[in-house]
N, C-alpha and C. Protein backbone atom coordinates (compact mmCIF):
# COMPACT_ATOMS: atom_id res chain seq x y z
N MET A 1 18.89 -18.69 13.40
CA MET A 1 19.42 -17.73 12.45
C MET A 1 20.30 -16.74 13.22
N ASN A 2 21.46 -16.45 12.65
CA ASN A 2 22.37 -15.52 13.34
C ASN A 2 21.84 -14.06 13.23
N PRO A 3 22.30 -13.17 14.11
CA PRO A 3 21.79 -11.80 14.11
C PRO A 3 21.97 -11.05 12.81
N GLN A 4 23.07 -11.27 12.11
CA GLN A 4 23.26 -10.57 10.83
C GLN A 4 22.25 -11.05 9.80
N THR A 5 21.97 -12.31 9.77
CA THR A 5 21.00 -12.85 8.84
C THR A 5 19.59 -12.33 9.17
N GLU A 6 19.26 -12.32 10.43
CA GLU A 6 17.97 -11.80 10.88
C GLU A 6 17.82 -10.32 10.46
N GLU A 7 18.89 -9.56 10.59
CA GLU A 7 18.84 -8.12 10.20
C GLU A 7 18.65 -8.01 8.70
N LYS A 8 19.35 -8.81 7.93
CA LYS A 8 19.21 -8.78 6.45
C LYS A 8 17.77 -9.16 6.10
N LEU A 9 17.23 -10.18 6.77
CA LEU A 9 15.83 -10.58 6.47
C LEU A 9 14.86 -9.48 6.78
N GLU A 10 15.03 -8.81 7.89
CA GLU A 10 14.14 -7.69 8.25
C GLU A 10 14.22 -6.57 7.25
N ASN A 11 15.42 -6.28 6.80
CA ASN A 11 15.61 -5.24 5.76
C ASN A 11 14.91 -5.59 4.46
N THR A 12 15.08 -6.85 4.07
CA THR A 12 14.42 -7.32 2.85
C THR A 12 12.92 -7.29 2.96
N LYS A 13 12.39 -7.69 4.12
CA LYS A 13 10.96 -7.66 4.33
C LYS A 13 10.45 -6.23 4.22
N ALA A 14 11.17 -5.29 4.79
CA ALA A 14 10.75 -3.90 4.74
C ALA A 14 10.73 -3.39 3.31
N GLN A 15 11.74 -3.78 2.50
CA GLN A 15 11.76 -3.31 1.09
C GLN A 15 10.57 -3.95 0.32
N MET A 16 10.25 -5.20 0.61
CA MET A 16 9.11 -5.83 -0.04
C MET A 16 7.81 -5.11 0.30
N ARG A 17 7.65 -4.77 1.56
CA ARG A 17 6.41 -4.07 1.98
C ARG A 17 6.29 -2.73 1.27
N LYS A 18 7.39 -2.00 1.20
CA LYS A 18 7.40 -0.73 0.54
C LYS A 18 7.00 -0.86 -0.93
N GLY A 19 7.47 -1.95 -1.53
CA GLY A 19 7.18 -2.19 -2.95
C GLY A 19 5.71 -2.41 -3.25
N VAL A 20 4.98 -2.98 -2.28
CA VAL A 20 3.54 -3.25 -2.55
C VAL A 20 2.63 -2.28 -1.86
N LEU A 21 3.16 -1.33 -1.11
CA LEU A 21 2.34 -0.37 -0.34
C LEU A 21 1.48 0.49 -1.24
N GLU A 22 2.02 0.95 -2.34
CA GLU A 22 1.26 1.74 -3.28
C GLU A 22 0.02 0.99 -3.83
N LEU A 23 0.23 -0.27 -4.17
CA LEU A 23 -0.88 -1.09 -4.64
C LEU A 23 -1.97 -1.25 -3.58
N CYS A 24 -1.52 -1.49 -2.32
CA CYS A 24 -2.48 -1.68 -1.24
C CYS A 24 -3.23 -0.40 -0.93
N ILE A 25 -2.55 0.74 -0.91
CA ILE A 25 -3.22 1.98 -0.63
C ILE A 25 -4.21 2.36 -1.70
N LEU A 26 -3.79 2.21 -2.94
CA LEU A 26 -4.73 2.51 -4.03
C LEU A 26 -5.95 1.57 -4.05
N SER A 27 -5.70 0.30 -3.67
CA SER A 27 -6.83 -0.64 -3.57
C SER A 27 -7.79 -0.29 -2.48
N ILE A 28 -7.29 0.19 -1.34
CA ILE A 28 -8.18 0.60 -0.26
C ILE A 28 -9.02 1.80 -0.63
N ILE A 29 -8.38 2.78 -1.27
CA ILE A 29 -9.11 3.97 -1.71
C ILE A 29 -10.08 3.65 -2.80
N ALA A 30 -9.77 2.63 -3.61
CA ALA A 30 -10.71 2.25 -4.71
C ALA A 30 -12.03 1.73 -4.13
N GLU A 31 -12.02 1.15 -2.95
CA GLU A 31 -13.23 0.61 -2.33
C GLU A 31 -14.21 1.75 -1.99
N GLU A 32 -13.67 2.82 -1.40
CA GLU A 32 -14.46 4.02 -1.05
C GLU A 32 -13.45 5.09 -0.68
N GLU A 33 -13.96 6.35 -0.77
CA GLU A 33 -13.02 7.44 -0.35
C GLU A 33 -12.60 7.17 1.07
N ALA A 34 -11.31 7.56 1.35
CA ALA A 34 -10.73 7.16 2.61
C ALA A 34 -9.93 8.28 3.26
N TYR A 35 -10.05 8.35 4.56
CA TYR A 35 -9.32 9.28 5.42
C TYR A 35 -8.02 8.54 5.78
N PRO A 36 -6.88 9.24 5.88
CA PRO A 36 -5.61 8.55 6.11
C PRO A 36 -5.59 7.63 7.34
N SER A 37 -6.21 7.99 8.46
CA SER A 37 -6.18 7.05 9.59
C SER A 37 -7.00 5.80 9.28
N ASP A 38 -8.03 5.90 8.45
CA ASP A 38 -8.78 4.69 8.01
C ASP A 38 -7.88 3.78 7.15
N ILE A 39 -7.06 4.40 6.33
CA ILE A 39 -6.11 3.64 5.45
C ILE A 39 -5.14 2.94 6.38
N ILE A 40 -4.60 3.60 7.36
CA ILE A 40 -3.63 3.00 8.27
C ILE A 40 -4.26 1.84 9.02
N GLN A 41 -5.51 1.99 9.46
CA GLN A 41 -6.17 0.89 10.18
C GLN A 41 -6.37 -0.34 9.31
N LYS A 42 -6.79 -0.11 8.04
CA LYS A 42 -6.96 -1.23 7.14
C LYS A 42 -5.62 -1.90 6.80
N LEU A 43 -4.58 -1.18 6.69
CA LEU A 43 -3.29 -1.76 6.42
C LEU A 43 -2.81 -2.55 7.66
N LYS A 44 -3.02 -2.03 8.87
CA LYS A 44 -2.66 -2.73 10.08
C LYS A 44 -3.48 -4.02 10.20
N ALA A 45 -4.74 -4.00 9.82
CA ALA A 45 -5.57 -5.21 9.86
C ALA A 45 -5.02 -6.28 8.92
N SER A 46 -4.31 -5.88 7.89
CA SER A 46 -3.71 -6.82 6.95
C SER A 46 -2.26 -7.08 7.29
N GLU A 47 -1.84 -6.62 8.49
CA GLU A 47 -0.48 -6.78 9.02
C GLU A 47 0.58 -6.06 8.18
N LEU A 48 0.15 -4.95 7.55
CA LEU A 48 1.11 -4.05 6.89
C LEU A 48 1.11 -2.80 7.77
N ILE A 49 2.10 -2.72 8.60
CA ILE A 49 2.19 -1.61 9.55
C ILE A 49 2.81 -0.42 8.84
N VAL A 50 2.03 0.71 8.88
CA VAL A 50 2.46 1.95 8.24
C VAL A 50 2.22 3.07 9.21
N VAL A 51 3.10 3.99 9.29
CA VAL A 51 2.97 5.20 10.15
C VAL A 51 2.59 6.39 9.27
N GLU A 52 2.03 7.41 9.93
CA GLU A 52 1.58 8.60 9.21
C GLU A 52 2.77 9.21 8.44
N GLY A 53 3.97 9.15 9.01
CA GLY A 53 5.12 9.80 8.36
C GLY A 53 5.50 9.08 7.02
N THR A 54 4.99 7.86 6.83
CA THR A 54 5.21 7.16 5.57
C THR A 54 4.01 7.37 4.65
N LEU A 55 2.80 7.39 5.22
CA LEU A 55 1.60 7.45 4.43
C LEU A 55 1.40 8.82 3.77
N TYR A 56 1.51 9.91 4.52
CA TYR A 56 1.21 11.24 4.00
C TYR A 56 2.06 11.62 2.79
N PRO A 57 3.37 11.40 2.85
CA PRO A 57 4.19 11.72 1.64
C PRO A 57 3.79 10.87 0.42
N LEU A 58 3.41 9.62 0.65
CA LEU A 58 2.99 8.79 -0.46
C LEU A 58 1.66 9.25 -1.03
N LEU A 59 0.68 9.61 -0.15
CA LEU A 59 -0.57 10.16 -0.66
C LEU A 59 -0.33 11.44 -1.49
N THR A 60 0.54 12.30 -0.96
CA THR A 60 0.87 13.55 -1.69
C THR A 60 1.44 13.24 -3.03
N ARG A 61 2.38 12.26 -3.10
CA ARG A 61 2.98 11.90 -4.36
C ARG A 61 1.97 11.37 -5.35
N LEU A 62 1.07 10.49 -4.84
CA LEU A 62 0.02 9.92 -5.71
C LEU A 62 -0.93 11.00 -6.20
N LYS A 63 -1.21 11.97 -5.35
CA LYS A 63 -2.11 13.08 -5.73
C LYS A 63 -1.41 13.94 -6.81
N ASN A 64 -0.12 14.23 -6.59
CA ASN A 64 0.63 15.07 -7.54
C ASN A 64 0.78 14.37 -8.84
N ALA A 65 0.77 13.02 -8.84
CA ALA A 65 0.85 12.24 -10.11
C ALA A 65 -0.46 12.12 -10.84
N GLY A 66 -1.52 12.73 -10.25
CA GLY A 66 -2.85 12.69 -10.87
C GLY A 66 -3.66 11.43 -10.63
N LEU A 67 -3.20 10.60 -9.67
CA LEU A 67 -3.88 9.31 -9.44
C LEU A 67 -4.93 9.48 -8.29
N LEU A 68 -4.78 10.46 -7.47
CA LEU A 68 -5.72 10.71 -6.39
C LEU A 68 -6.19 12.15 -6.43
N THR A 69 -7.35 12.34 -5.81
CA THR A 69 -7.89 13.69 -5.53
C THR A 69 -8.40 13.59 -4.10
N TYR A 70 -8.86 14.71 -3.57
CA TYR A 70 -9.41 14.67 -2.25
C TYR A 70 -10.55 15.68 -2.10
N VAL A 71 -11.39 15.40 -1.13
CA VAL A 71 -12.45 16.36 -0.74
C VAL A 71 -12.35 16.55 0.79
N TRP A 72 -12.75 17.73 1.23
CA TRP A 72 -12.78 18.04 2.61
C TRP A 72 -14.18 17.66 3.15
N ARG A 73 -14.21 17.00 4.29
CA ARG A 73 -15.47 16.62 4.95
C ARG A 73 -15.46 17.13 6.35
N GLU A 74 -16.58 17.70 6.80
CA GLU A 74 -16.70 18.12 8.18
C GLU A 74 -16.55 16.93 9.14
N SER A 75 -15.99 17.22 10.32
CA SER A 75 -15.81 16.17 11.33
C SER A 75 -16.54 16.56 12.61
N ASN A 76 -17.10 15.58 13.28
CA ASN A 76 -17.73 15.80 14.58
C ASN A 76 -16.71 16.00 15.66
N SER A 77 -15.49 15.56 15.44
CA SER A 77 -14.51 15.59 16.50
C SER A 77 -13.28 16.47 16.21
N GLY A 78 -13.49 17.56 15.52
CA GLY A 78 -12.36 18.42 15.21
C GLY A 78 -12.48 19.14 13.86
N PRO A 79 -11.35 19.51 13.31
CA PRO A 79 -11.39 20.23 12.04
C PRO A 79 -11.81 19.33 10.87
N PRO A 80 -12.16 19.91 9.74
CA PRO A 80 -12.50 19.13 8.54
C PRO A 80 -11.38 18.15 8.19
N ARG A 81 -11.78 17.02 7.61
CA ARG A 81 -10.84 15.98 7.23
C ARG A 81 -10.73 15.87 5.73
N LYS A 82 -9.53 15.47 5.30
CA LYS A 82 -9.27 15.26 3.88
C LYS A 82 -9.50 13.81 3.54
N TYR A 83 -10.44 13.53 2.67
CA TYR A 83 -10.77 12.20 2.18
C TYR A 83 -10.27 12.01 0.77
N PHE A 84 -9.53 10.94 0.56
CA PHE A 84 -8.90 10.71 -0.77
C PHE A 84 -9.79 9.80 -1.61
N GLN A 85 -9.77 10.08 -2.94
CA GLN A 85 -10.53 9.28 -3.96
C GLN A 85 -9.60 9.07 -5.11
N LEU A 86 -9.85 7.95 -5.84
CA LEU A 86 -9.09 7.71 -7.05
C LEU A 86 -9.69 8.58 -8.19
N THR A 87 -8.77 9.09 -9.05
CA THR A 87 -9.17 9.75 -10.24
C THR A 87 -9.40 8.70 -11.28
N GLU A 88 -9.89 9.09 -12.49
CA GLU A 88 -10.08 8.10 -13.54
C GLU A 88 -8.73 7.53 -13.94
N GLU A 89 -7.71 8.39 -14.00
CA GLU A 89 -6.35 7.96 -14.30
C GLU A 89 -5.86 6.99 -13.18
N GLY A 90 -6.19 7.26 -11.94
CA GLY A 90 -5.86 6.40 -10.85
C GLY A 90 -6.47 5.05 -10.96
N LYS A 91 -7.71 4.97 -11.41
CA LYS A 91 -8.42 3.71 -11.59
C LYS A 91 -7.72 2.89 -12.68
N GLU A 92 -7.35 3.53 -13.76
CA GLU A 92 -6.64 2.78 -14.87
C GLU A 92 -5.29 2.35 -14.37
N PHE A 93 -4.57 3.20 -13.64
CA PHE A 93 -3.30 2.83 -13.09
C PHE A 93 -3.36 1.66 -12.16
N LEU A 94 -4.39 1.68 -11.27
CA LEU A 94 -4.57 0.57 -10.32
C LEU A 94 -4.83 -0.72 -11.08
N ASP A 95 -5.70 -0.70 -12.09
CA ASP A 95 -5.91 -1.90 -12.91
C ASP A 95 -4.65 -2.47 -13.46
N ALA A 96 -3.86 -1.58 -14.04
CA ALA A 96 -2.57 -2.01 -14.65
C ALA A 96 -1.60 -2.52 -13.56
N LEU A 97 -1.58 -1.84 -12.42
CA LEU A 97 -0.69 -2.23 -11.36
C LEU A 97 -1.12 -3.59 -10.77
N HIS A 98 -2.39 -3.82 -10.68
CA HIS A 98 -2.90 -5.08 -10.17
C HIS A 98 -2.56 -6.24 -11.13
N SER A 99 -2.68 -5.98 -12.44
CA SER A 99 -2.31 -7.01 -13.42
C SER A 99 -0.78 -7.31 -13.32
N THR A 100 -0.01 -6.27 -13.14
CA THR A 100 1.48 -6.44 -13.01
C THR A 100 1.76 -7.26 -11.76
N TRP A 101 1.02 -6.97 -10.66
CA TRP A 101 1.22 -7.70 -9.40
C TRP A 101 0.93 -9.18 -9.64
N ASN A 102 -0.23 -9.49 -10.27
CA ASN A 102 -0.57 -10.87 -10.52
C ASN A 102 0.44 -11.59 -11.36
N GLU A 103 1.00 -10.92 -12.38
CA GLU A 103 2.03 -11.51 -13.19
C GLU A 103 3.30 -11.77 -12.37
N LEU A 104 3.64 -10.86 -11.50
CA LEU A 104 4.81 -11.00 -10.64
C LEU A 104 4.62 -12.15 -9.65
N VAL A 105 3.46 -12.24 -9.03
CA VAL A 105 3.20 -13.33 -8.09
C VAL A 105 3.31 -14.67 -8.79
N PHE A 106 2.77 -14.77 -10.00
CA PHE A 106 2.89 -16.00 -10.75
C PHE A 106 4.34 -16.33 -11.06
N ALA A 107 5.11 -15.34 -11.50
CA ALA A 107 6.50 -15.53 -11.87
C ALA A 107 7.30 -15.98 -10.66
N VAL A 108 7.08 -15.36 -9.54
CA VAL A 108 7.80 -15.73 -8.32
C VAL A 108 7.41 -17.13 -7.89
N ALA A 109 6.15 -17.44 -7.96
CA ALA A 109 5.67 -18.79 -7.58
C ALA A 109 6.36 -19.86 -8.48
N GLN A 110 6.44 -19.57 -9.77
CA GLN A 110 7.08 -20.49 -10.70
C GLN A 110 8.55 -20.64 -10.40
N SER A 111 9.18 -19.49 -10.11
CA SER A 111 10.60 -19.50 -9.87
C SER A 111 11.02 -20.14 -8.56
N THR A 112 10.13 -20.17 -7.62
CA THR A 112 10.47 -20.70 -6.27
C THR A 112 9.73 -21.99 -5.88
N LYS A 113 9.08 -22.59 -6.86
CA LYS A 113 8.28 -23.79 -6.51
C LYS A 113 9.09 -24.97 -6.08
N ASN A 114 10.37 -25.01 -6.37
CA ASN A 114 11.19 -26.10 -5.93
C ASN A 114 11.87 -25.93 -4.58
N ILE A 115 11.60 -24.74 -3.95
CA ILE A 115 12.19 -24.50 -2.67
C ILE A 115 11.37 -25.17 -1.58
N SER A 116 12.06 -25.94 -0.71
CA SER A 116 11.38 -26.51 0.40
C SER A 116 11.75 -25.73 1.66
N THR A 117 10.76 -25.60 2.56
CA THR A 117 11.01 -24.84 3.79
C THR A 117 11.13 -25.84 4.94
N ASN A 118 11.72 -25.44 5.97
CA ASN A 118 11.93 -26.24 7.16
C ASN A 118 10.85 -25.99 8.21
N GLU A 119 9.66 -25.63 7.80
CA GLU A 119 8.61 -25.31 8.74
C GLU A 119 7.77 -26.53 9.00
C-alpha cells in the first residue's frame, strides 16, 4: 500500500473509532460505576486506545446531556475520585444506541458481503 493510501486508511480508522467510542464508554459505565482511568484501561484491553484528553471532554458532554452522573469516592492514594454512573435517561439512550449499532452492523455486513479480501 502506498503512503497516501495508508494515511487515508489510518484517518478513516480514527473516524470509525470516534464514532463508536460513545457506545463503548456508555456500555462500560453500564456494567458498574467507573473511574476515568478504569474506562481507559477497559478500552485499551479492547484495543480502542483513548487518552484522557479525549475521554474527559466526552464524559463532560455526556453528563451535560443528562446521560451520566457522578459521585465522589475517597481514594487511598490521593484526592477523592469522580466515579461515573448512567442516569435512567442514559440507560434508555444506551439501549437505543445499541439497537442502532446492531442495525448498522447488519446493514454493513449485507452491503459488503461480496467483498473478498486478499488475506
